[in-house]
Amino acid sequence: MPIKILLIPAIVLTAFLFAAQGNAQGLAIDLTLAKSNPSAPKMGNHLAFESVITNTGSRPVEGLIAWISLVRVDPGQEQPMDLEDWSAHKAVTETRVGPGRSIRTKWPMRLIQAGDYRVVISAVGRNVDGLATSPFVGFTVLPKPVVESSRILPVAFGVPLAIGTLLIWRLWRPRLRASRLEDDRARSRGVAASDSASSDSGVT
């Protein structure tokens, strides 16, 4: 009984290896990062991946469909990612791929969240047994740069100070005008009184 239980995983593994071998004889996928990608990608940047899917068999592959998958591999946050916001180009199809022929595809992606990721391209054909996959391609997304505090503080304090100064100036401006007008009137009255006194002394 224990021997049978031990044989079951071995049989399953052997079947899987044979399926993978037969699959490799039908389709081969190569995946690389595009040369135009930034060397240190950050949130908000764009990356592109380039795949080459080749029919390595002796017969045409009918109804080929290939798609991109993204997984996050940060410790404790391992999970497949929904590409809804990451990429609008999620799959390609080809009616027929002849023996020895290849399909080249560029997969653009917008980096939404910081972390460590792996990308893989998978493909199947209507007359191909099993699933063909590319090697994983890994990349790291850095957090969006935070604005330095030395740049924020002058703006944070300077703008309110400027607004406050402007408000004070606008509030005190009418008072300053009134004070100047009162000074001018007083000065005018003083000049008029001085002229009147001079006139009176000349008359006598």
N, C-alpha and C. Protein backbone atom coordinates (compact mmCIF):
# COMPACT_ATOMS: atom_id res chain seq x y z
N MET A 1 0.82 -1.22 0.00
CA MET A 1 0.00 0.00 0.00
C MET A 1 0.85 1.26 0.00
N PRO A 2 1.86 1.39 0.87
CA PRO A 2 2.71 2.58 0.83
C PRO A 2 3.46 2.71 -0.47
N ILE A 3 3.83 1.55 -1.09
CA ILE A 3 4.56 1.60 -2.35
C ILE A 3 3.70 2.22 -3.45
N LYS A 4 2.41 1.85 -3.47
CA LYS A 4 1.50 2.42 -4.47
C LYS A 4 1.35 3.92 -4.28
N ILE A 5 1.27 4.33 -3.02
CA ILE A 5 1.12 5.77 -2.75
C ILE A 5 2.34 6.54 -3.22
N LEU A 6 3.53 5.94 -3.03
CA LEU A 6 4.76 6.59 -3.47
C LEU A 6 4.87 6.60 -4.98
N LEU A 7 4.28 5.60 -5.65
CA LEU A 7 4.38 5.54 -7.11
C LEU A 7 3.51 6.57 -7.79
N ILE A 8 2.43 7.01 -7.15
CA ILE A 8 1.50 7.95 -7.78
C ILE A 8 2.19 9.27 -8.15
N PRO A 9 2.92 9.93 -7.20
CA PRO A 9 3.61 11.17 -7.60
C PRO A 9 4.63 10.95 -8.69
N ALA A 10 5.31 9.80 -8.67
CA ALA A 10 6.32 9.52 -9.69
C ALA A 10 5.67 9.41 -11.07
N ILE A 11 4.51 8.73 -11.12
CA ILE A 11 3.81 8.58 -12.40
C ILE A 11 3.33 9.93 -12.92
N VAL A 12 2.78 10.74 -12.01
CA VAL A 12 2.31 12.07 -12.40
C VAL A 12 3.46 12.91 -12.91
N LEU A 13 4.60 12.89 -12.21
CA LEU A 13 5.76 13.67 -12.63
C LEU A 13 6.28 13.21 -13.98
N THR A 14 6.31 11.89 -14.20
CA THR A 14 6.77 11.36 -15.49
C THR A 14 5.85 11.80 -16.62
N ALA A 15 4.55 11.76 -16.37
CA ALA A 15 3.59 12.21 -17.40
C ALA A 15 3.77 13.68 -17.71
N PHE A 16 4.01 14.45 -16.67
CA PHE A 16 4.22 15.89 -16.87
C PHE A 16 5.47 16.15 -17.70
N LEU A 17 6.55 15.41 -17.41
CA LEU A 17 7.78 15.61 -18.17
C LEU A 17 7.61 15.23 -19.63
N PHE A 18 6.87 14.13 -19.89
CA PHE A 18 6.63 13.74 -21.27
C PHE A 18 5.77 14.76 -22.00
N ALA A 19 4.79 15.29 -21.28
CA ALA A 19 3.93 16.32 -21.89
C ALA A 19 4.75 17.56 -22.21
N ALA A 20 5.64 17.95 -21.28
CA ALA A 20 6.47 19.13 -21.52
C ALA A 20 7.40 18.91 -22.69
N GLN A 21 7.94 17.67 -22.81
CA GLN A 21 8.84 17.39 -23.91
C GLN A 21 8.11 17.45 -25.24
N GLY A 22 6.88 16.87 -25.29
CA GLY A 22 6.12 16.93 -26.52
C GLY A 22 5.73 18.36 -26.85
N ASN A 23 5.44 19.16 -25.81
CA ASN A 23 5.08 20.54 -26.02
C ASN A 23 6.25 21.32 -26.58
N ALA A 24 7.45 21.05 -26.06
CA ALA A 24 8.64 21.77 -26.52
C ALA A 24 8.91 21.48 -27.99
N GLN A 25 8.52 20.31 -28.46
CA GLN A 25 8.73 19.97 -29.86
C GLN A 25 7.77 20.73 -30.77
N GLY A 26 6.70 21.30 -30.19
CA GLY A 26 5.74 22.02 -31.02
C GLY A 26 5.94 23.51 -31.03
N LEU A 27 6.18 24.11 -29.87
CA LEU A 27 6.34 25.55 -29.76
C LEU A 27 7.49 25.88 -28.82
N ALA A 28 8.26 26.88 -29.18
CA ALA A 28 9.33 27.37 -28.33
C ALA A 28 9.15 28.88 -28.18
N ILE A 29 9.30 29.38 -26.96
CA ILE A 29 9.08 30.82 -26.69
C ILE A 29 10.31 31.41 -26.05
N ASP A 30 10.78 32.49 -26.63
CA ASP A 30 11.90 33.24 -26.07
C ASP A 30 11.38 34.61 -25.62
N LEU A 31 11.78 35.05 -24.44
CA LEU A 31 11.28 36.32 -23.88
C LEU A 31 12.46 37.12 -23.34
N THR A 32 12.53 38.40 -23.72
CA THR A 32 13.60 39.28 -23.26
C THR A 32 13.03 40.67 -22.95
N LEU A 33 13.79 41.43 -22.17
CA LEU A 33 13.45 42.83 -21.93
C LEU A 33 13.86 43.67 -23.13
N ALA A 34 13.05 44.65 -23.48
CA ALA A 34 13.39 45.54 -24.59
C ALA A 34 14.60 46.40 -24.22
N LYS A 35 15.44 46.69 -25.19
CA LYS A 35 16.65 47.47 -24.94
C LYS A 35 16.33 48.92 -24.57
N SER A 36 15.15 49.39 -24.92
CA SER A 36 14.77 50.78 -24.64
C SER A 36 14.29 50.99 -23.21
N ASN A 37 14.21 49.92 -22.42
CA ASN A 37 13.70 50.04 -21.05
C ASN A 37 14.66 50.85 -20.17
N PRO A 38 14.13 51.58 -19.19
CA PRO A 38 15.00 52.29 -18.24
C PRO A 38 15.78 51.29 -17.40
N SER A 39 16.99 51.68 -17.01
CA SER A 39 17.85 50.77 -16.25
C SER A 39 17.35 50.56 -14.82
N ALA A 40 16.70 51.56 -14.26
CA ALA A 40 16.14 51.46 -12.90
C ALA A 40 14.69 51.92 -12.94
N PRO A 41 13.79 51.06 -13.40
CA PRO A 41 12.38 51.46 -13.57
C PRO A 41 11.72 51.82 -12.26
N LYS A 42 10.90 52.87 -12.31
CA LYS A 42 10.16 53.35 -11.14
C LYS A 42 8.66 53.30 -11.44
N MET A 43 7.87 53.45 -10.40
CA MET A 43 6.43 53.53 -10.56
C MET A 43 6.08 54.65 -11.55
N GLY A 44 5.20 54.33 -12.48
CA GLY A 44 4.82 55.31 -13.49
C GLY A 44 5.60 55.18 -14.78
N ASN A 45 6.77 54.50 -14.75
CA ASN A 45 7.54 54.27 -15.97
C ASN A 45 6.85 53.22 -16.83
N HIS A 46 7.39 53.03 -18.04
CA HIS A 46 6.89 52.00 -18.94
C HIS A 46 8.02 51.03 -19.27
N LEU A 47 7.69 49.75 -19.29
CA LEU A 47 8.60 48.71 -19.74
C LEU A 47 8.00 48.01 -20.95
N ALA A 48 8.86 47.34 -21.69
CA ALA A 48 8.39 46.53 -22.82
C ALA A 48 9.14 45.21 -22.81
N PHE A 49 8.45 44.16 -23.18
CA PHE A 49 9.03 42.83 -23.28
C PHE A 49 8.85 42.34 -24.71
N GLU A 50 9.84 41.62 -25.21
CA GLU A 50 9.81 41.14 -26.60
C GLU A 50 9.86 39.62 -26.60
N SER A 51 8.89 39.03 -27.27
CA SER A 51 8.82 37.57 -27.34
C SER A 51 8.94 37.10 -28.78
N VAL A 52 9.51 35.91 -28.92
CA VAL A 52 9.59 35.23 -30.22
C VAL A 52 9.02 33.83 -30.02
N ILE A 53 7.90 33.56 -30.66
CA ILE A 53 7.26 32.25 -30.57
C ILE A 53 7.53 31.52 -31.88
N THR A 54 8.20 30.37 -31.79
CA THR A 54 8.63 29.64 -32.99
C THR A 54 7.98 28.27 -33.03
N ASN A 55 7.49 27.92 -34.21
CA ASN A 55 6.97 26.58 -34.44
C ASN A 55 8.16 25.67 -34.74
N THR A 56 8.51 24.85 -33.76
CA THR A 56 9.67 23.96 -33.92
C THR A 56 9.27 22.59 -34.44
N GLY A 57 7.99 22.41 -34.71
CA GLY A 57 7.53 21.11 -35.19
C GLY A 57 7.59 20.99 -36.70
N SER A 58 7.07 19.87 -37.18
CA SER A 58 7.09 19.59 -38.62
C SER A 58 5.75 19.84 -39.29
N ARG A 59 4.79 20.30 -38.51
CA ARG A 59 3.47 20.60 -39.07
C ARG A 59 3.04 21.99 -38.61
N PRO A 60 2.13 22.62 -39.34
CA PRO A 60 1.67 23.96 -38.95
C PRO A 60 0.93 23.92 -37.61
N VAL A 61 1.05 25.01 -36.88
CA VAL A 61 0.28 25.18 -35.65
C VAL A 61 -0.95 26.01 -36.00
N GLU A 62 -2.10 25.45 -35.71
CA GLU A 62 -3.36 26.12 -36.04
C GLU A 62 -3.93 26.80 -34.79
N GLY A 63 -4.53 27.99 -35.00
CA GLY A 63 -5.23 28.68 -33.91
C GLY A 63 -4.34 28.99 -32.72
N LEU A 64 -3.21 29.63 -32.99
CA LEU A 64 -2.28 29.96 -31.90
C LEU A 64 -2.80 31.15 -31.10
N ILE A 65 -2.70 31.05 -29.78
CA ILE A 65 -2.99 32.19 -28.90
C ILE A 65 -1.90 32.26 -27.84
N ALA A 66 -1.38 33.45 -27.62
CA ALA A 66 -0.33 33.67 -26.62
C ALA A 66 -0.75 34.82 -25.72
N TRP A 67 -0.38 34.75 -24.46
CA TRP A 67 -0.76 35.79 -23.51
C TRP A 67 0.36 36.01 -22.50
N ILE A 68 0.33 37.18 -21.86
CA ILE A 68 1.34 37.55 -20.88
C ILE A 68 0.76 37.43 -19.48
N SER A 69 1.60 36.98 -18.55
CA SER A 69 1.20 36.86 -17.15
C SER A 69 2.25 37.54 -16.28
N LEU A 70 1.78 38.12 -15.18
CA LEU A 70 2.65 38.85 -14.26
C LEU A 70 2.40 38.35 -12.85
N VAL A 71 3.48 38.04 -12.14
CA VAL A 71 3.37 37.61 -10.75
C VAL A 71 4.30 38.46 -9.89
N ARG A 72 3.86 38.70 -8.67
CA ARG A 72 4.69 39.42 -7.70
C ARG A 72 5.35 38.39 -6.79
N VAL A 73 6.64 38.60 -6.50
CA VAL A 73 7.39 37.60 -5.73
C VAL A 73 8.00 38.17 -4.46
N ASP A 74 7.55 39.34 -4.02
CA ASP A 74 8.04 39.88 -2.75
C ASP A 74 7.68 38.92 -1.61
N PRO A 75 8.60 38.70 -0.66
CA PRO A 75 8.30 37.80 0.45
C PRO A 75 7.03 38.21 1.20
N GLY A 76 6.14 37.27 1.34
CA GLY A 76 4.89 37.53 2.02
C GLY A 76 3.82 38.16 1.16
N GLN A 77 4.16 38.55 -0.08
CA GLN A 77 3.18 39.19 -0.98
C GLN A 77 3.15 38.49 -2.34
N GLU A 78 3.50 37.21 -2.37
CA GLU A 78 3.50 36.46 -3.61
C GLU A 78 2.07 36.29 -4.14
N GLN A 79 1.86 36.75 -5.35
CA GLN A 79 0.50 36.67 -5.91
C GLN A 79 0.53 36.99 -7.40
N PRO A 80 -0.40 36.43 -8.17
CA PRO A 80 -0.56 36.85 -9.57
C PRO A 80 -1.18 38.24 -9.62
N MET A 81 -0.78 39.03 -10.59
CA MET A 81 -1.25 40.40 -10.69
C MET A 81 -2.29 40.54 -11.80
N ASP A 82 -3.30 41.33 -11.53
CA ASP A 82 -4.31 41.65 -12.53
C ASP A 82 -3.72 42.70 -13.47
N LEU A 83 -3.69 42.40 -14.76
CA LEU A 83 -3.06 43.29 -15.73
C LEU A 83 -3.99 44.39 -16.24
N GLU A 84 -5.14 44.56 -15.62
CA GLU A 84 -6.11 45.55 -16.08
C GLU A 84 -5.50 46.94 -16.17
N ASP A 85 -4.72 47.32 -15.15
CA ASP A 85 -4.10 48.65 -15.15
C ASP A 85 -2.67 48.63 -15.68
N TRP A 86 -2.08 47.46 -15.73
CA TRP A 86 -0.67 47.36 -16.13
C TRP A 86 -0.50 47.37 -17.65
N SER A 87 -1.38 46.70 -18.36
CA SER A 87 -1.17 46.55 -19.80
C SER A 87 -2.51 46.41 -20.52
N ALA A 88 -2.59 47.07 -21.68
CA ALA A 88 -3.78 46.95 -22.52
C ALA A 88 -3.56 45.88 -23.60
N HIS A 89 -2.33 45.39 -23.70
CA HIS A 89 -1.97 44.39 -24.72
C HIS A 89 -1.68 43.08 -24.00
N LYS A 90 -2.72 42.28 -23.82
CA LYS A 90 -2.61 41.10 -22.97
C LYS A 90 -2.49 39.79 -23.75
N ALA A 91 -2.86 39.77 -25.03
CA ALA A 91 -2.83 38.51 -25.78
C ALA A 91 -2.70 38.80 -27.28
N VAL A 92 -2.18 37.82 -28.00
CA VAL A 92 -2.10 37.88 -29.45
C VAL A 92 -2.59 36.54 -30.01
N THR A 93 -3.11 36.58 -31.21
CA THR A 93 -3.58 35.36 -31.86
C THR A 93 -3.01 35.28 -33.27
N GLU A 94 -2.89 34.08 -33.77
CA GLU A 94 -2.42 33.85 -35.13
C GLU A 94 -3.16 32.64 -35.68
N THR A 95 -3.73 32.80 -36.86
CA THR A 95 -4.54 31.73 -37.44
C THR A 95 -3.70 30.49 -37.73
N ARG A 96 -2.48 30.72 -38.28
CA ARG A 96 -1.66 29.57 -38.68
C ARG A 96 -0.19 29.97 -38.65
N VAL A 97 0.63 29.10 -38.07
CA VAL A 97 2.07 29.32 -38.01
C VAL A 97 2.75 28.10 -38.62
N GLY A 98 3.41 28.29 -39.75
CA GLY A 98 4.04 27.18 -40.44
C GLY A 98 5.27 26.66 -39.73
N PRO A 99 5.73 25.49 -40.09
CA PRO A 99 6.93 24.91 -39.48
C PRO A 99 8.14 25.84 -39.68
N GLY A 100 8.86 26.08 -38.60
CA GLY A 100 10.04 26.94 -38.67
C GLY A 100 9.73 28.42 -38.67
N ARG A 101 8.47 28.79 -38.71
CA ARG A 101 8.10 30.21 -38.72
C ARG A 101 7.99 30.74 -37.29
N SER A 102 8.18 32.07 -37.15
CA SER A 102 8.15 32.69 -35.83
C SER A 102 7.21 33.90 -35.81
N ILE A 103 6.72 34.20 -34.65
CA ILE A 103 5.90 35.39 -34.42
C ILE A 103 6.61 36.24 -33.38
N ARG A 104 6.89 37.49 -33.74
CA ARG A 104 7.53 38.42 -32.83
C ARG A 104 6.49 39.40 -32.28
N THR A 105 6.49 39.57 -30.98
CA THR A 105 5.50 40.43 -30.34
C THR A 105 6.17 41.30 -29.29
N LYS A 106 5.74 42.55 -29.22
CA LYS A 106 6.21 43.47 -28.18
C LYS A 106 5.07 43.69 -27.19
N TRP A 107 5.38 43.51 -25.91
CA TRP A 107 4.38 43.60 -24.85
C TRP A 107 4.69 44.82 -23.99
N PRO A 108 3.99 45.94 -24.17
CA PRO A 108 4.22 47.12 -23.33
C PRO A 108 3.53 46.97 -21.98
N MET A 109 4.11 47.63 -20.99
CA MET A 109 3.55 47.54 -19.64
C MET A 109 3.84 48.82 -18.88
N ARG A 110 2.84 49.32 -18.17
CA ARG A 110 3.00 50.49 -17.30
C ARG A 110 3.15 50.02 -15.86
N LEU A 111 4.15 50.54 -15.18
CA LEU A 111 4.48 50.07 -13.83
C LEU A 111 3.60 50.78 -12.81
N ILE A 112 2.73 50.02 -12.18
CA ILE A 112 1.72 50.58 -11.28
C ILE A 112 2.15 50.56 -9.82
N GLN A 113 2.86 49.51 -9.41
CA GLN A 113 3.15 49.32 -7.99
C GLN A 113 4.59 48.86 -7.81
N ALA A 114 5.25 49.36 -6.76
CA ALA A 114 6.63 48.98 -6.48
C ALA A 114 6.69 47.53 -6.01
N GLY A 115 7.81 46.85 -6.31
CA GLY A 115 7.99 45.48 -5.88
C GLY A 115 8.83 44.69 -6.86
N ASP A 116 9.01 43.39 -6.56
CA ASP A 116 9.74 42.47 -7.42
C ASP A 116 8.74 41.62 -8.20
N TYR A 117 8.97 41.49 -9.51
CA TYR A 117 7.99 40.82 -10.37
C TYR A 117 8.67 39.85 -11.33
N ARG A 118 7.86 38.94 -11.85
CA ARG A 118 8.28 38.02 -12.90
C ARG A 118 7.21 38.02 -13.99
N VAL A 119 7.69 37.99 -15.23
CA VAL A 119 6.79 37.96 -16.39
C VAL A 119 7.03 36.67 -17.16
N VAL A 120 5.96 36.10 -17.68
CA VAL A 120 6.06 34.89 -18.49
C VAL A 120 5.05 34.98 -19.63
N ILE A 121 5.42 34.44 -20.78
CA ILE A 121 4.53 34.34 -21.92
C ILE A 121 4.13 32.88 -22.09
N SER A 122 2.83 32.65 -22.24
CA SER A 122 2.32 31.29 -22.45
C SER A 122 1.62 31.24 -23.81
N ALA A 123 1.61 30.04 -24.40
CA ALA A 123 0.98 29.89 -25.71
C ALA A 123 0.42 28.48 -25.87
N VAL A 124 -0.67 28.39 -26.59
CA VAL A 124 -1.26 27.10 -26.94
C VAL A 124 -1.70 27.17 -28.40
N GLY A 125 -1.84 26.01 -29.00
CA GLY A 125 -2.36 25.90 -30.35
C GLY A 125 -3.47 24.88 -30.38
N ARG A 126 -4.35 25.00 -31.36
CA ARG A 126 -5.48 24.09 -31.45
C ARG A 126 -5.03 22.65 -31.65
N ASN A 127 -3.94 22.46 -32.36
CA ASN A 127 -3.45 21.11 -32.64
C ASN A 127 -2.13 20.82 -31.93
N VAL A 128 -1.86 21.56 -30.84
CA VAL A 128 -0.66 21.32 -30.05
C VAL A 128 -1.07 20.86 -28.67
N ASP A 129 -0.50 19.74 -28.25
CA ASP A 129 -0.81 19.22 -26.92
C ASP A 129 0.00 19.96 -25.86
N GLY A 130 -0.65 20.33 -24.79
CA GLY A 130 0.05 20.96 -23.69
C GLY A 130 0.20 22.46 -23.87
N LEU A 131 0.92 23.04 -22.93
CA LEU A 131 1.10 24.49 -22.85
C LEU A 131 2.57 24.83 -22.99
N ALA A 132 2.87 25.77 -23.85
CA ALA A 132 4.25 26.25 -24.01
C ALA A 132 4.43 27.53 -23.21
N THR A 133 5.54 27.63 -22.51
CA THR A 133 5.83 28.82 -21.70
C THR A 133 7.25 29.28 -21.95
N SER A 134 7.45 30.57 -21.79
CA SER A 134 8.79 31.13 -21.91
C SER A 134 9.51 31.02 -20.58
N PRO A 135 10.81 31.27 -20.55
CA PRO A 135 11.48 31.43 -19.26
C PRO A 135 10.95 32.69 -18.57
N PHE A 136 11.01 32.70 -17.25
CA PHE A 136 10.60 33.89 -16.52
C PHE A 136 11.62 35.01 -16.74
N VAL A 137 11.11 36.23 -16.83
CA VAL A 137 11.95 37.43 -16.87
C VAL A 137 11.59 38.28 -15.67
N GLY A 138 12.58 38.56 -14.83
CA GLY A 138 12.32 39.31 -13.61
C GLY A 138 12.71 40.77 -13.72
N PHE A 139 12.05 41.60 -12.95
CA PHE A 139 12.38 43.02 -12.88
C PHE A 139 11.89 43.57 -11.55
N THR A 140 12.46 44.69 -11.16
CA THR A 140 12.11 45.35 -9.90
C THR A 140 11.60 46.75 -10.20
N VAL A 141 10.49 47.11 -9.57
CA VAL A 141 9.91 48.44 -9.71
C VAL A 141 10.23 49.24 -8.44
N LEU A 142 10.92 50.34 -8.59
CA LEU A 142 11.27 51.19 -7.45
C LEU A 142 10.11 52.11 -7.10
N PRO A 143 10.01 52.51 -5.83
CA PRO A 143 8.94 53.45 -5.45
C PRO A 143 9.10 54.78 -6.17
N LYS A 144 7.99 55.50 -6.29
CA LYS A 144 8.02 56.82 -6.91
C LYS A 144 8.86 57.75 -6.03
N PRO A 145 9.76 58.53 -6.63
CA PRO A 145 10.62 59.42 -5.84
C PRO A 145 9.79 60.39 -5.01
N VAL A 146 10.20 60.57 -3.76
CA VAL A 146 9.56 61.52 -2.86
C VAL A 146 10.26 62.86 -2.98
N VAL A 147 9.49 63.94 -3.08
CA VAL A 147 10.08 65.27 -3.20
C VAL A 147 10.84 65.60 -1.92
N GLU A 148 12.04 66.13 -2.05
CA GLU A 148 12.87 66.44 -0.89
C GLU A 148 12.22 67.52 -0.03
N SER A 149 12.40 67.35 1.30
CA SER A 149 11.80 68.31 2.24
C SER A 149 12.39 69.70 2.07
N SER A 150 13.66 69.76 1.62
CA SER A 150 14.29 71.07 1.43
C SER A 150 13.61 71.86 0.32
N ARG A 151 12.92 71.13 -0.57
CA ARG A 151 12.18 71.81 -1.63
C ARG A 151 10.74 72.10 -1.20
N ILE A 152 10.23 71.26 -0.31
CA ILE A 152 8.84 71.44 0.11
C ILE A 152 8.71 72.60 1.10
N LEU A 153 9.65 72.70 2.08
CA LEU A 153 9.51 73.68 3.15
C LEU A 153 9.41 75.11 2.64
N PRO A 154 10.29 75.54 1.70
CA PRO A 154 10.13 76.92 1.22
C PRO A 154 8.77 77.19 0.61
N VAL A 155 8.25 76.19 -0.09
CA VAL A 155 6.93 76.36 -0.69
C VAL A 155 5.84 76.34 0.37
N ALA A 156 5.98 75.40 1.34
CA ALA A 156 4.96 75.25 2.38
C ALA A 156 4.84 76.50 3.25
N PHE A 157 5.99 77.12 3.53
CA PHE A 157 5.96 78.31 4.38
C PHE A 157 5.90 79.60 3.56
N GLY A 158 6.50 79.58 2.41
CA GLY A 158 6.58 80.80 1.60
C GLY A 158 5.24 81.23 1.04
N VAL A 159 4.46 80.26 0.55
CA VAL A 159 3.16 80.60 -0.05
C VAL A 159 2.20 81.19 0.98
N PRO A 160 1.99 80.55 2.15
CA PRO A 160 1.10 81.19 3.14
C PRO A 160 1.60 82.55 3.60
N LEU A 161 2.93 82.70 3.73
CA LEU A 161 3.48 83.98 4.15
C LEU A 161 3.20 85.06 3.12
N ALA A 162 3.36 84.71 1.85
CA ALA A 162 3.09 85.68 0.80
C ALA A 162 1.61 86.05 0.77
N ILE A 163 0.74 85.03 0.93
CA ILE A 163 -0.70 85.31 0.93
C ILE A 163 -1.07 86.19 2.12
N GLY A 164 -0.50 85.87 3.30
CA GLY A 164 -0.79 86.68 4.49
C GLY A 164 -0.32 88.10 4.34
N THR A 165 0.87 88.28 3.78
CA THR A 165 1.39 89.64 3.55
C THR A 165 0.49 90.41 2.61
N LEU A 166 0.02 89.74 1.55
CA LEU A 166 -0.86 90.40 0.59
C LEU A 166 -2.18 90.82 1.24
N LEU A 167 -2.73 89.93 2.09
CA LEU A 167 -3.99 90.26 2.77
C LEU A 167 -3.81 91.45 3.72
N ILE A 168 -2.72 91.43 4.48
CA ILE A 168 -2.46 92.54 5.40
C ILE A 168 -2.29 93.85 4.64
N TRP A 169 -1.58 93.77 3.52
CA TRP A 169 -1.36 94.99 2.72
C TRP A 169 -2.68 95.52 2.17
N ARG A 170 -3.56 94.60 1.74
CA ARG A 170 -4.85 95.03 1.20
C ARG A 170 -5.75 95.59 2.29
N LEU A 171 -5.63 95.05 3.51
CA LEU A 171 -6.45 95.56 4.61
C LEU A 171 -5.96 96.93 5.10
N TRP A 172 -4.67 97.10 5.12
CA TRP A 172 -4.11 98.35 5.64
C TRP A 172 -3.98 99.44 4.57
N ARG A 173 -4.13 99.06 3.33
CA ARG A 173 -3.97 100.05 2.26
C ARG A 173 -4.97 101.19 2.37
N PRO A 174 -6.28 100.92 2.59
CA PRO A 174 -7.24 102.04 2.74
C PRO A 174 -6.89 102.92 3.93
N ARG A 175 -6.42 102.33 5.03
CA ARG A 175 -6.07 103.12 6.21
C ARG A 175 -4.86 104.01 5.93
N LEU A 176 -3.90 103.43 5.20
CA LEU A 176 -2.73 104.24 4.85
C LEU A 176 -3.12 105.41 3.96
N ARG A 177 -4.03 105.15 3.01
CA ARG A 177 -4.50 106.24 2.13
C ARG A 177 -5.21 107.31 2.94
N ALA A 178 -6.08 106.85 3.86
CA ALA A 178 -6.82 107.82 4.69
C ALA A 178 -5.86 108.62 5.55
N SER A 179 -4.84 107.96 6.10
CA SER A 179 -3.86 108.66 6.93
C SER A 179 -3.09 109.68 6.11
N ARG A 180 -2.71 109.29 4.88
CA ARG A 180 -2.00 110.23 4.03
C ARG A 180 -2.89 111.41 3.65
N LEU A 181 -4.14 111.13 3.35
CA LEU A 181 -5.06 112.22 3.01
C LEU A 181 -5.24 113.17 4.20
N GLU A 182 -5.35 112.62 5.40
CA GLU A 182 -5.50 113.46 6.59
C GLU A 182 -4.26 114.31 6.82
N ASP A 183 -3.08 113.69 6.58
CA ASP A 183 -1.84 114.47 6.72
C ASP A 183 -1.78 115.58 5.69
N ASP A 184 -2.19 115.26 4.46
CA ASP A 184 -2.18 116.29 3.41
C ASP A 184 -3.14 117.42 3.75
N ARG A 185 -4.33 117.07 4.27
CA ARG A 185 -5.30 118.11 4.63
C ARG A 185 -4.78 118.97 5.78
N ALA A 186 -4.18 118.30 6.77
CA ALA A 186 -3.61 119.07 7.89
C ALA A 186 -2.51 119.98 7.42
N ARG A 187 -1.70 119.44 6.52
CA ARG A 187 -0.61 120.27 5.98
C ARG A 187 -1.18 121.45 5.19
N SER A 188 -2.24 121.17 4.45
CA SER A 188 -2.87 122.25 3.67
C SER A 188 -3.48 123.30 4.58
N ARG A 189 -4.13 122.83 5.67
CA ARG A 189 -4.70 123.80 6.61
C ARG A 189 -3.61 124.63 7.28
N GLY A 190 -2.47 123.97 7.57
CA GLY A 190 -1.36 124.71 8.18
C GLY A 190 -0.80 125.76 7.26
N VAL A 191 -0.67 125.40 5.99
CA VAL A 191 -0.17 126.37 5.00
C VAL A 191 -1.14 127.52 4.84
N ALA A 192 -2.46 127.17 4.80
CA ALA A 192 -3.46 128.23 4.65
C ALA A 192 -3.46 129.16 5.85
N ALA A 193 -3.32 128.59 7.04
CA ALA A 193 -3.27 129.45 8.24
C ALA A 193 -2.05 130.34 8.24
N SER A 194 -0.97 129.80 7.79
CA SER A 194 0.29 130.61 7.73
C SER A 194 0.15 131.74 6.73
N ASP A 195 -0.47 131.47 5.60
CA ASP A 195 -0.65 132.50 4.60
C ASP A 195 -1.60 133.57 5.10
N SER A 196 -2.63 133.15 5.84
CA SER A 196 -3.60 134.13 6.38
C SER A 196 -2.95 135.04 7.40
N ALA A 197 -2.09 134.44 8.22
CA ALA A 197 -1.39 135.26 9.25
C ALA A 197 -0.46 136.26 8.59
N SER A 198 0.20 135.82 7.54
CA SER A 198 1.10 136.74 6.83
C SER A 198 0.34 137.89 6.20
N SER A 199 -0.81 137.58 5.67
CA SER A 199 -1.64 138.63 5.03
C SER A 199 -2.10 139.63 6.07
N ASP A 200 -2.51 139.12 7.26
CA ASP A 200 -2.98 140.03 8.30
C ASP A 200 -1.85 140.95 8.79
N SER A 201 -0.67 140.41 8.97
CA SER A 201 0.44 141.24 9.44
C SER A 201 0.83 142.28 8.40
N GLY A 202 0.66 141.98 7.13
CA GLY A 202 1.00 142.97 6.08
C GLY A 202 -0.01 144.10 6.04
N VAL A 203 -1.23 143.80 6.35
CA VAL A 203 -2.28 144.82 6.30
C VAL A 203 -2.08 145.83 7.40
N THR A 204 -1.71 145.36 8.61
CA THR A 204 -1.49 146.28 9.70
C THR A 204 -0.22 147.06 9.48
